Amino acid sequence: MRRIEYNKLVRDKIPERLEKTVKCFSTRVVEGDEYYKSLNNKLQEEVNEYFESGSIEELADIQEVLLAILDFKNVKLDEFEQIRLDKVQERGVFKQKIFLEYVEE
């Protein structure tokens, strides 16, 4: 029997899926700083997967991790949206596809 180490945060339904497909696995619940660090690691993992694949499904995974981070930080989605809108008001969006080449000071 081959053992694969993952040591990463997974979605809530993964253990029940594993129960149907593998002989043995181990999970534990993480809290506090360890949970926050695991969320950040998961975000990096999902971003890397998106870079590799360009998949919309990976963008959905990124959003799920972002929502979990907001929940951990006790930031409501409408508060987050207001922060985003404030930045849009101040700096705009990316619709004009402007690429800054350089600035001389």
PDB file of N, CA and C in Angstrom:
ATOM      1  N   MET A   1       0.851  -1.177   0.000  1.00  0.00           N
ATOM      2  CA  MET A   1       0.000   0.000   0.000  1.00  0.00           C
ATOM      3  C   MET A   1       0.901   1.246   0.000  1.00  0.00           C
ATOM      4  N   ARG A   2       0.613   2.180  -0.894  1.00  0.00           N
ATOM      5  CA  ARG A   2       1.392   3.396  -1.041  1.00  0.00           C
ATOM      6  C   ARG A   2       0.734   4.525  -0.238  1.00  0.00           C
ATOM      7  N   ARG A   3       1.544   5.288   0.485  1.00  0.00           N
ATOM      8  CA  ARG A   3       1.058   6.407   1.307  1.00  0.00           C
ATOM      9  C   ARG A   3       1.466   7.713   0.648  1.00  0.00           C
ATOM     10  N   ILE A   4       0.501   8.610   0.450  1.00  0.00           N
ATOM     11  CA  ILE A   4       0.753   9.917  -0.148  1.00  0.00           C
ATOM     12  C   ILE A   4       0.491  10.979   0.913  1.00  0.00           C
ATOM     13  N   GLU A   5       1.486  11.809   1.182  1.00  0.00           N
ATOM     14  CA  GLU A   5       1.347  12.897   2.153  1.00  0.00           C
ATOM     15  C   GLU A   5       0.766  14.125   1.460  1.00  0.00           C
ATOM     16  N   TYR A   6      -0.271  14.713   2.019  1.00  0.00           N
ATOM     17  CA  TYR A   6      -0.869  15.925   1.472  1.00  0.00           C
ATOM     18  C   TYR A   6      -0.617  17.130   2.376  1.00  0.00           C
ATOM     19  N   ASN A   7      -0.908  16.992   3.650  1.00  0.00           N
ATOM     20  CA  ASN A   7      -0.697  18.071   4.618  1.00  0.00           C
ATOM     21  C   ASN A   7      -1.201  19.414   4.101  1.00  0.00           C
ATOM     22  N   LYS A   8      -2.486  19.462   3.740  1.00  0.00           N
ATOM     23  CA  LYS A   8      -3.077  20.687   3.231  1.00  0.00           C
ATOM     24  C   LYS A   8      -4.557  20.742   3.596  1.00  0.00           C
ATOM     25  N   LEU A   9      -5.095  21.927   3.566  1.00  0.00           N
ATOM     26  CA  LEU A   9      -6.505  22.158   3.810  1.00  0.00           C
ATOM     27  C   LEU A   9      -7.314  21.613   2.638  1.00  0.00           C
ATOM     28  N   VAL A  10      -8.414  20.929   2.943  1.00  0.00           N
ATOM     29  CA  VAL A  10      -9.288  20.405   1.898  1.00  0.00           C
ATOM     30  C   VAL A  10     -10.733  20.808   2.197  1.00  0.00           C
ATOM     31  N   ARG A  11     -11.555  20.725   1.184  1.00  0.00           N
ATOM     32  CA  ARG A  11     -12.981  21.047   1.347  1.00  0.00           C
ATOM     33  C   ARG A  11     -13.650  20.057   2.303  1.00  0.00           C
ATOM     34  N   ASP A  12     -14.752  20.490   2.890  1.00  0.00           N
ATOM     35  CA  ASP A  12     -15.426  19.739   3.945  1.00  0.00           C
ATOM     36  C   ASP A  12     -15.907  18.345   3.545  1.00  0.00           C
ATOM     37  N   LYS A  13     -16.249  18.152   2.285  1.00  0.00           N
ATOM     38  CA  LYS A  13     -16.800  16.861   1.861  1.00  0.00           C
ATOM     39  C   LYS A  13     -15.741  15.872   1.383  1.00  0.00           C
ATOM     40  N   ILE A  14     -14.487  16.266   1.390  1.00  0.00           N
ATOM     41  CA  ILE A  14     -13.427  15.371   0.924  1.00  0.00           C
ATOM     42  C   ILE A  14     -13.338  14.101   1.782  1.00  0.00           C
ATOM     43  N   PRO A  15     -13.398  14.185   3.128  1.00  0.00           N
ATOM     44  CA  PRO A  15     -13.320  12.943   3.912  1.00  0.00           C
ATOM     45  C   PRO A  15     -14.406  11.919   3.554  1.00  0.00           C
ATOM     46  N   GLU A  16     -15.635  12.362   3.344  1.00  0.00           N
ATOM     47  CA  GLU A  16     -16.694  11.394   3.007  1.00  0.00           C
ATOM     48  C   GLU A  16     -16.467  10.796   1.622  1.00  0.00           C
ATOM     49  N   ARG A  17     -15.867  11.545   0.716  1.00  0.00           N
ATOM     50  CA  ARG A  17     -15.522  10.999  -0.599  1.00  0.00           C
ATOM     51  C   ARG A  17     -14.391   9.979  -0.463  1.00  0.00           C
ATOM     52  N   LEU A  18     -13.425  10.282   0.397  1.00  0.00           N
ATOM     53  CA  LEU A  18     -12.308   9.354   0.604  1.00  0.00           C
ATOM     54  C   LEU A  18     -12.774   8.051   1.243  1.00  0.00           C
ATOM     55  N   GLU A  19     -13.761   8.133   2.133  1.00  0.00           N
ATOM     56  CA  GLU A  19     -14.285   6.926   2.783  1.00  0.00           C
ATOM     57  C   GLU A  19     -14.764   5.906   1.761  1.00  0.00           C
ATOM     58  N   LYS A  20     -15.208   6.384   0.611  1.00  0.00           N
ATOM     59  CA  LYS A  20     -15.740   5.498  -0.427  1.00  0.00           C
ATOM     60  C   LYS A  20     -14.655   4.936  -1.346  1.00  0.00           C
ATOM     61  N   THR A  21     -13.463   5.550  -1.318  1.00  0.00           N
ATOM     62  CA  THR A  21     -12.481   5.183  -2.338  1.00  0.00           C
ATOM     63  C   THR A  21     -11.134   4.683  -1.829  1.00  0.00           C
ATOM     64  N   VAL A  22     -10.789   4.945  -0.586  1.00  0.00           N
ATOM     65  CA  VAL A  22      -9.477   4.521  -0.093  1.00  0.00           C
ATOM     66  C   VAL A  22      -9.613   3.703   1.189  1.00  0.00           C
ATOM     67  N   LYS A  23      -8.575   2.958   1.506  1.00  0.00           N
ATOM     68  CA  LYS A  23      -8.607   2.104   2.687  1.00  0.00           C
ATOM     69  C   LYS A  23      -8.380   2.880   3.972  1.00  0.00           C
ATOM     70  N   CYS A  24      -7.455   3.814   3.936  1.00  0.00           N
ATOM     71  CA  CYS A  24      -7.077   4.506   5.164  1.00  0.00           C
ATOM     72  C   CYS A  24      -6.668   5.937   4.844  1.00  0.00           C
ATOM     73  N   PHE A  25      -7.064   6.868   5.692  1.00  0.00           N
ATOM     74  CA  PHE A  25      -6.633   8.253   5.585  1.00  0.00           C
ATOM     75  C   PHE A  25      -6.726   8.900   6.955  1.00  0.00           C
ATOM     76  N   SER A  26      -6.088  10.041   7.094  1.00  0.00           N
ATOM     77  CA  SER A  26      -6.098  10.745   8.368  1.00  0.00           C
ATOM     78  C   SER A  26      -6.370  12.225   8.126  1.00  0.00           C
ATOM     79  N   THR A  27      -7.246  12.780   8.961  1.00  0.00           N
ATOM     80  CA  THR A  27      -7.533  14.210   8.916  1.00  0.00           C
ATOM     81  C   THR A  27      -7.503  14.756  10.336  1.00  0.00           C
ATOM     82  N   ARG A  28      -7.430  16.061  10.436  1.00  0.00           N
ATOM     83  CA  ARG A  28      -7.571  16.736  11.723  1.00  0.00           C
ATOM     84  C   ARG A  28      -8.118  18.126  11.458  1.00  0.00           C
ATOM     85  N   VAL A  29      -8.669  18.739  12.468  1.00  0.00           N
ATOM     86  CA  VAL A  29      -9.203  20.092  12.361  1.00  0.00           C
ATOM     87  C   VAL A  29      -8.123  21.067  12.794  1.00  0.00           C
ATOM     88  N   VAL A  30      -7.925  22.118  11.986  1.00  0.00           N
ATOM     89  CA  VAL A  30      -6.955  23.154  12.333  1.00  0.00           C
ATOM     90  C   VAL A  30      -7.709  24.398  12.785  1.00  0.00           C
ATOM     91  N   GLU A  31      -7.086  25.148  13.668  1.00  0.00           N
ATOM     92  CA  GLU A  31      -7.716  26.348  14.239  1.00  0.00           C
ATOM     93  C   GLU A  31      -6.730  27.507  14.226  1.00  0.00           C
ATOM     94  N   GLY A  32      -7.246  28.700  14.475  1.00  0.00           N
ATOM     95  CA  GLY A  32      -6.420  29.880  14.713  1.00  0.00           C
ATOM     96  C   GLY A  32      -5.401  30.156  13.628  1.00  0.00           C
ATOM     97  N   ASP A  33      -4.177  30.439  14.063  1.00  0.00           N
ATOM     98  CA  ASP A  33      -3.105  30.790  13.129  1.00  0.00           C
ATOM     99  C   ASP A  33      -2.805  29.671  12.137  1.00  0.00           C
ATOM    100  N   GLU A  34      -2.911  28.433  12.595  1.00  0.00           N
ATOM    101  CA  GLU A  34      -2.651  27.312  11.694  1.00  0.00           C
ATOM    102  C   GLU A  34      -3.702  27.268  10.587  1.00  0.00           C
ATOM    103  N   TYR A  35      -4.955  27.547  10.924  1.00  0.00           N
ATOM    104  CA  TYR A  35      -6.021  27.590   9.918  1.00  0.00           C
ATOM    105  C   TYR A  35      -5.773  28.725   8.934  1.00  0.00           C
ATOM    106  N   TYR A  36      -5.432  29.903   9.448  1.00  0.00           N
ATOM    107  CA  TYR A  36      -5.168  31.064   8.594  1.00  0.00           C
ATOM    108  C   TYR A  36      -3.998  30.788   7.646  1.00  0.00           C
ATOM    109  N   LYS A  37      -2.935  30.211   8.166  1.00  0.00           N
ATOM    110  CA  LYS A  37      -1.783  29.860   7.330  1.00  0.00           C
ATOM    111  C   LYS A  37      -2.191  28.820   6.287  1.00  0.00           C
ATOM    112  N   SER A  38      -3.003  27.857   6.676  1.00  0.00           N
ATOM    113  CA  SER A  38      -3.478  26.833   5.739  1.00  0.00           C
ATOM    114  C   SER A  38      -4.336  27.443   4.641  1.00  0.00           C
ATOM    115  N   LEU A  39      -5.167  28.430   5.001  1.00  0.00           N
ATOM    116  CA  LEU A  39      -5.967  29.126   3.993  1.00  0.00           C
ATOM    117  C   LEU A  39      -5.074  29.865   2.999  1.00  0.00           C
ATOM    118  N   ASN A  40      -4.061  30.544   3.508  1.00  0.00           N
ATOM    119  CA  ASN A  40      -3.145  31.261   2.621  1.00  0.00           C
ATOM    120  C   ASN A  40      -2.388  30.300   1.710  1.00  0.00           C
ATOM    121  N   ASN A  41      -1.967  29.169   2.251  1.00  0.00           N
ATOM    122  CA  ASN A  41      -1.306  28.152   1.421  1.00  0.00           C
ATOM    123  C   ASN A  41      -2.253  27.617   0.355  1.00  0.00           C
ATOM    124  N   LYS A  42      -3.505  27.408   0.745  1.00  0.00           N
ATOM    125  CA  LYS A  42      -4.507  26.917  -0.197  1.00  0.00           C
ATOM    126  C   LYS A  42      -4.750  27.944  -1.294  1.00  0.00           C
ATOM    127  N   LEU A  43      -4.801  29.222  -0.925  1.00  0.00           N
ATOM    128  CA  LEU A  43      -4.984  30.274  -1.922  1.00  0.00           C
ATOM    129  C   LEU A  43      -3.843  30.238  -2.938  1.00  0.00           C
ATOM    130  N   GLN A  44      -2.615  30.118  -2.451  1.00  0.00           N
ATOM    131  CA  GLN A  44      -1.463  30.049  -3.349  1.00  0.00           C
ATOM    132  C   GLN A  44      -1.551  28.823  -4.257  1.00  0.00           C
ATOM    133  N   GLU A  45      -1.949  27.691  -3.695  1.00  0.00           N
ATOM    134  CA  GLU A  45      -2.102  26.465  -4.479  1.00  0.00           C
ATOM    135  C   GLU A  45      -3.126  26.659  -5.597  1.00  0.00           C
ATOM    136  N   GLU A  46      -4.266  27.247  -5.253  1.00  0.00           N
ATOM    137  CA  GLU A  46      -5.330  27.430  -6.240  1.00  0.00           C
ATOM    138  C   GLU A  46      -4.922  28.437  -7.309  1.00  0.00           C
ATOM    139  N   VAL A  47      -4.229  29.493  -6.922  1.00  0.00           N
ATOM    140  CA  VAL A  47      -3.749  30.479  -7.901  1.00  0.00           C
ATOM    141  C   VAL A  47      -2.763  29.806  -8.856  1.00  0.00           C
ATOM    142  N   ASN A  48      -1.848  29.015  -8.321  1.00  0.00           N
ATOM    143  CA  ASN A  48      -0.893  28.301  -9.171  1.00  0.00           C
ATOM    144  C   ASN A  48      -1.613  27.358 -10.140  1.00  0.00           C
ATOM    145  N   GLU A  49      -2.638  26.667  -9.648  1.00  0.00           N
ATOM    146  CA  GLU A  49      -3.396  25.764 -10.515  1.00  0.00           C
ATOM    147  C   GLU A  49      -4.111  26.540 -11.617  1.00  0.00           C
ATOM    148  N   TYR A  50      -4.614  27.733 -11.264  1.00  0.00           N
ATOM    149  CA  TYR A  50      -5.244  28.573 -12.285  1.00  0.00           C
ATOM    150  C   TYR A  50      -4.220  29.011 -13.330  1.00  0.00           C
ATOM    151  N   PHE A  51      -3.038  29.429 -12.884  1.00  0.00           N
ATOM    152  CA  PHE A  51      -1.991  29.838 -13.821  1.00  0.00           C
ATOM    153  C   PHE A  51      -1.639  28.708 -14.775  1.00  0.00           C
ATOM    154  N   GLU A  52      -1.603  27.488 -14.271  1.00  0.00           N
ATOM    155  CA  GLU A  52      -1.247  26.338 -15.098  1.00  0.00           C
ATOM    156  C   GLU A  52      -2.351  25.966 -16.089  1.00  0.00           C
ATOM    157  N   SER A  53      -3.606  26.079 -15.649  1.00  0.00           N
ATOM    158  CA  SER A  53      -4.705  25.572 -16.470  1.00  0.00           C
ATOM    159  C   SER A  53      -5.547  26.656 -17.144  1.00  0.00           C
ATOM    160  N   GLY A  54      -5.640  27.837 -16.527  1.00  0.00           N
ATOM    161  CA  GLY A  54      -6.534  28.873 -17.042  1.00  0.00           C
ATOM    162  C   GLY A  54      -8.001  28.520 -16.863  1.00  0.00           C
ATOM    163  N   SER A  55      -8.282  27.538 -16.036  1.00  0.00           N
ATOM    164  CA  SER A  55      -9.622  26.981 -15.873  1.00  0.00           C
ATOM    165  C   SER A  55     -10.535  27.870 -15.023  1.00  0.00           C
ATOM    166  N   ILE A  56     -11.758  28.024 -15.475  1.00  0.00           N
ATOM    167  CA  ILE A  56     -12.773  28.751 -14.705  1.00  0.00           C
ATOM    168  C   ILE A  56     -13.043  28.035 -13.387  1.00  0.00           C
ATOM    169  N   GLU A  57     -12.954  26.713 -13.377  1.00  0.00           N
ATOM    170  CA  GLU A  57     -13.154  25.950 -12.147  1.00  0.00           C
ATOM    171  C   GLU A  57     -12.123  26.339 -11.097  1.00  0.00           C
ATOM    172  N   GLU A  58     -10.905  26.622 -11.518  1.00  0.00           N
ATOM    173  CA  GLU A  58      -9.879  27.057 -10.563  1.00  0.00           C
ATOM    174  C   GLU A  58     -10.201  28.440 -10.018  1.00  0.00           C
ATOM    175  N   LEU A  59     -10.781  29.312 -10.848  1.00  0.00           N
ATOM    176  CA  LEU A  59     -11.217  30.620 -10.343  1.00  0.00           C
ATOM    177  C   LEU A  59     -12.302  30.450  -9.274  1.00  0.00           C
ATOM    178  N   ALA A  60     -13.186  29.473  -9.475  1.00  0.00           N
ATOM    179  CA  ALA A  60     -14.218  29.193  -8.474  1.00  0.00           C
ATOM    180  C   ALA A  60     -13.582  28.725  -7.168  1.00  0.00           C
ATOM    181  N   ASP A  61     -12.523  27.907  -7.269  1.00  0.00           N
ATOM    182  CA  ASP A  61     -11.804  27.456  -6.077  1.00  0.00           C
ATOM    183  C   ASP A  61     -11.144  28.638  -5.369  1.00  0.00           C
ATOM    184  N   ILE A  62     -10.568  29.546  -6.145  1.00  0.00           N
ATOM    185  CA  ILE A  62      -9.949  30.741  -5.560  1.00  0.00           C
ATOM    186  C   ILE A  62     -10.987  31.545  -4.804  1.00  0.00           C
ATOM    187  N   GLN A  63     -12.166  31.720  -5.397  1.00  0.00           N
ATOM    188  CA  GLN A  63     -13.221  32.483  -4.726  1.00  0.00           C
ATOM    189  C   GLN A  63     -13.657  31.797  -3.432  1.00  0.00           C
ATOM    190  N   GLU A  64     -13.744  30.482  -3.445  1.00  0.00           N
ATOM    191  CA  GLU A  64     -14.136  29.758  -2.235  1.00  0.00           C
ATOM    192  C   GLU A  64     -13.136  29.988  -1.110  1.00  0.00           C
ATOM    193  N   VAL A  65     -11.850  29.971  -1.450  1.00  0.00           N
ATOM    194  CA  VAL A  65     -10.818  30.228  -0.440  1.00  0.00           C
ATOM    195  C   VAL A  65     -10.899  31.674   0.036  1.00  0.00           C
ATOM    196  N   LEU A  66     -11.124  32.610  -0.874  1.00  0.00           N
ATOM    197  CA  LEU A  66     -11.271  34.018  -0.479  1.00  0.00           C
ATOM    198  C   LEU A  66     -12.434  34.193   0.500  1.00  0.00           C
ATOM    199  N   LEU A  67     -13.540  33.523   0.226  1.00  0.00           N
ATOM    200  CA  LEU A  67     -14.692  33.603   1.131  1.00  0.00           C
ATOM    201  C   LEU A  67     -14.349  33.050   2.507  1.00  0.00           C
ATOM    202  N   ALA A  68     -13.577  31.974   2.553  1.00  0.00           N
ATOM    203  CA  ALA A  68     -13.170  31.399   3.839  1.00  0.00           C
ATOM    204  C   ALA A  68     -12.243  32.360   4.587  1.00  0.00           C
ATOM    205  N   ILE A  69     -11.347  33.031   3.867  1.00  0.00           N
ATOM    206  CA  ILE A  69     -10.456  34.005   4.506  1.00  0.00           C
ATOM    207  C   ILE A  69     -11.263  35.171   5.061  1.00  0.00           C
ATOM    208  N   LEU A  70     -12.230  35.665   4.297  1.00  0.00           N
ATOM    209  CA  LEU A  70     -13.081  36.748   4.782  1.00  0.00           C
ATOM    210  C   LEU A  70     -13.827  36.323   6.043  1.00  0.00           C
ATOM    211  N   ASP A  71     -14.350  35.104   6.040  1.00  0.00           N
ATOM    212  CA  ASP A  71     -15.054  34.593   7.215  1.00  0.00           C
ATOM    213  C   ASP A  71     -14.104  34.522   8.409  1.00  0.00           C
ATOM    214  N   PHE A  72     -12.901  34.026   8.194  1.00  0.00           N
ATOM    215  CA  PHE A  72     -11.915  33.942   9.274  1.00  0.00           C
ATOM    216  C   PHE A  72     -11.611  35.324   9.844  1.00  0.00           C
ATOM    217  N   LYS A  73     -11.541  36.324   8.975  1.00  0.00           N
ATOM    218  CA  LYS A  73     -11.230  37.685   9.403  1.00  0.00           C
ATOM    219  C   LYS A  73     -12.476  38.459   9.853  1.00  0.00           C
ATOM    220  N   ASN A  74     -13.613  37.772   9.905  1.00  0.00           N
ATOM    221  CA  ASN A  74     -14.888  38.378  10.304  1.00  0.00           C
ATOM    222  C   ASN A  74     -15.248  39.590   9.437  1.00  0.00           C
ATOM    223  N   VAL A  75     -15.004  39.472   8.142  1.00  0.00           N
ATOM    224  CA  VAL A  75     -15.369  40.509   7.186  1.00  0.00           C
ATOM    225  C   VAL A  75     -16.559  39.996   6.387  1.00  0.00           C
ATOM    226  N   LYS A  76     -17.648  40.727   6.447  1.00  0.00           N
ATOM    227  CA  LYS A  76     -18.847  40.337   5.715  1.00  0.00           C
ATOM    228  C   LYS A  76     -18.635  40.599   4.221  1.00  0.00           C
ATOM    229  N   LEU A  77     -19.310  39.820   3.402  1.00  0.00           N
ATOM    230  CA  LEU A  77     -19.155  39.939   1.964  1.00  0.00           C
ATOM    231  C   LEU A  77     -19.523  41.336   1.469  1.00  0.00           C
ATOM    232  N   ASP A  78     -20.575  41.935   2.045  1.00  0.00           N
ATOM    233  CA  ASP A  78     -20.944  43.287   1.609  1.00  0.00           C
ATOM    234  C   ASP A  78     -19.881  44.321   2.005  1.00  0.00           C
ATOM    235  N   GLU A  79     -19.199  44.127   3.129  1.00  0.00           N
ATOM    236  CA  GLU A  79     -18.087  45.007   3.502  1.00  0.00           C
ATOM    237  C   GLU A  79     -16.946  44.875   2.506  1.00  0.00           C
ATOM    238  N   PHE A  80     -16.638  43.643   2.142  1.00  0.00           N
ATOM    239  CA  PHE A  80     -15.586  43.384   1.170  1.00  0.00           C
ATOM    240  C   PHE A  80     -15.929  44.012  -0.179  1.00  0.00           C
ATOM    241  N   GLU A  81     -17.168  43.864  -0.579  1.00  0.00           N
ATOM    242  CA  GLU A  81     -17.618  44.453  -1.842  1.00  0.00           C
ATOM    243  C   GLU A  81     -17.485  45.972  -1.804  1.00  0.00           C
ATOM    244  N   GLN A  82     -17.757  46.578  -0.665  1.00  0.00           N
ATOM    245  CA  GLN A  82     -17.616  48.035  -0.558  1.00  0.00           C
ATOM    246  C   GLN A  82     -16.148  48.446  -0.678  1.00  0.00           C
ATOM    247  N   ILE A  83     -15.263  47.667  -0.097  1.00  0.00           N
ATOM    248  CA  ILE A  83     -13.830  47.933  -0.244  1.00  0.00           C
ATOM    249  C   ILE A  83     -13.444  47.862  -1.719  1.00  0.00           C
ATOM    250  N   ARG A  84     -13.953  46.848  -2.407  1.00  0.00           N
ATOM    251  CA  ARG A  84     -13.670  46.709  -3.832  1.00  0.00           C
ATOM    252  C   ARG A  84     -14.210  47.901  -4.617  1.00  0.00           C
ATOM    253  N   LEU A  85     -15.439  48.298  -4.326  1.00  0.00           N
ATOM    254  CA  LEU A  85     -16.048  49.428  -5.030  1.00  0.00           C
ATOM    255  C   LEU A  85     -15.318  50.734  -4.752  1.00  0.00           C
ATOM    256  N   ASP A  86     -14.847  50.915  -3.520  1.00  0.00           N
ATOM    257  CA  ASP A  86     -14.063  52.104  -3.199  1.00  0.00           C
ATOM    258  C   ASP A  86     -12.787  52.157  -4.031  1.00  0.00           C
ATOM    259  N   LYS A  87     -12.144  51.015  -4.204  1.00  0.00           N
ATOM    260  CA  LYS A  87     -10.930  50.963  -5.030  1.00  0.00           C
ATOM    261  C   LYS A  87     -11.266  51.222  -6.500  1.00  0.00           C
ATOM    262  N   VAL A  88     -12.408  50.716  -6.943  1.00  0.00           N
ATOM    263  CA  VAL A  88     -12.846  50.982  -8.314  1.00  0.00           C
ATOM    264  C   VAL A  88     -13.040  52.483  -8.504  1.00  0.00           C
ATOM    265  N   GLN A  89     -13.690  53.111  -7.543  1.00  0.00           N
ATOM    266  CA  GLN A  89     -13.944  54.555  -7.623  1.00  0.00           C
ATOM    267  C   GLN A  89     -12.633  55.342  -7.665  1.00  0.00           C
ATOM    268  N   GLU A  90     -11.679  54.942  -6.836  1.00  0.00           N
ATOM    269  CA  GLU A  90     -10.415  55.670  -6.728  1.00  0.00           C
ATOM    270  C   GLU A  90      -9.448  55.354  -7.875  1.00  0.00           C
ATOM    271  N   ARG A  91      -9.382  54.064  -8.274  1.00  0.00           N
ATOM    272  CA  ARG A  91      -8.343  53.646  -9.220  1.00  0.00           C
ATOM    273  C   ARG A  91      -8.864  53.065 -10.525  1.00  0.00           C
ATOM    274  N   GLY A  92     -10.164  52.764 -10.585  1.00  0.00           N
ATOM    275  CA  GLY A  92     -10.733  52.190 -11.797  1.00  0.00           C
ATOM    276  C   GLY A  92     -10.680  50.671 -11.787  1.00  0.00           C
ATOM    277  N   VAL A  93     -10.962  50.112 -12.969  1.00  0.00           N
ATOM    278  CA  VAL A  93     -10.947  48.656 -13.145  1.00  0.00           C
ATOM    279  C   VAL A  93      -9.882  48.315 -14.193  1.00  0.00           C
ATOM    280  N   PHE A  94     -10.056  47.248 -14.924  1.00  0.00           N
ATOM    281  CA  PHE A  94      -9.066  46.820 -15.908  1.00  0.00           C
ATOM    282  C   PHE A  94      -9.645  46.729 -17.317  1.00  0.00           C
ATOM    283  N   LYS A  95     -10.773  47.362 -17.558  1.00  0.00           N
ATOM    284  CA  LYS A  95     -11.452  47.254 -18.852  1.00  0.00           C
ATOM    285  C   LYS A  95     -10.664  47.873 -19.997  1.00  0.00           C
ATOM    286  N   GLN A  96      -9.897  48.925 -19.726  1.00  0.00           N
ATOM    287  CA  GLN A  96      -9.158  49.585 -20.803  1.00  0.00           C
ATOM    288  C   GLN A  96      -7.840  48.879 -21.136  1.00  0.00           C
ATOM    289  N   LYS A  97      -7.504  47.871 -20.367  1.00  0.00           N
ATOM    290  CA  LYS A  97      -6.342  47.013 -20.640  1.00  0.00           C
ATOM    291  C   LYS A  97      -5.034  47.798 -20.690  1.00  0.00           C
ATOM    292  N   ILE A  98      -4.890  48.777 -19.820  1.00  0.00           N
ATOM    293  CA  ILE A  98      -3.710  49.637 -19.791  1.00  0.00           C
ATOM    294  C   ILE A  98      -2.549  48.898 -19.141  1.00  0.00           C
ATOM    295  N   PHE A  99      -1.411  48.900 -19.811  1.00  0.00           N
ATOM    296  CA  PHE A  99      -0.194  48.237 -19.344  1.00  0.00           C
ATOM    297  C   PHE A  99       0.851  49.328 -19.105  1.00  0.00           C
ATOM    298  N   LEU A 100       1.219  49.552 -17.854  1.00  0.00           N
ATOM    299  CA  LEU A 100       2.206  50.578 -17.498  1.00  0.00           C
ATOM    300  C   LEU A 100       3.602  50.073 -17.786  1.00  0.00           C
ATOM    301  N   GLU A 101       4.307  50.753 -18.677  1.00  0.00           N
ATOM    302  CA  GLU A 101       5.650  50.321 -19.050  1.00  0.00           C
ATOM    303  C   GLU A 101       6.715  50.913 -18.135  1.00  0.00           C
ATOM    304  N   TYR A 102       6.640  52.203 -17.836  1.00  0.00           N
ATOM    305  CA  TYR A 102       7.621  52.800 -16.936  1.00  0.00           C
ATOM    306  C   TYR A 102       7.148  54.150 -16.447  1.00  0.00           C
ATOM    307  N   VAL A 103       7.821  54.614 -15.429  1.00  0.00           N
ATOM    308  CA  VAL A 103       7.623  55.953 -14.873  1.00  0.00           C
ATOM    309  C   VAL A 103       9.020  56.502 -14.577  1.00  0.00           C
ATOM    310  N   GLU A 104       9.266  57.733 -14.946  1.00  0.00           N
ATOM    311  CA  GLU A 104      10.522  58.389 -14.594  1.00  0.00           C
ATOM    312  C   GLU A 104      10.246  59.440 -13.527  1.00  0.00           C
ATOM    313  N   GLU A 105      11.074  59.464 -12.521  1.00  0.00           N
ATOM    314  CA  GLU A 105      10.908  60.457 -11.441  1.00  0.00           C
ATOM    315  C   GLU A 105      12.140  61.296 -11.300  1.00  0.00           C
TER     316      GLU A 105
END
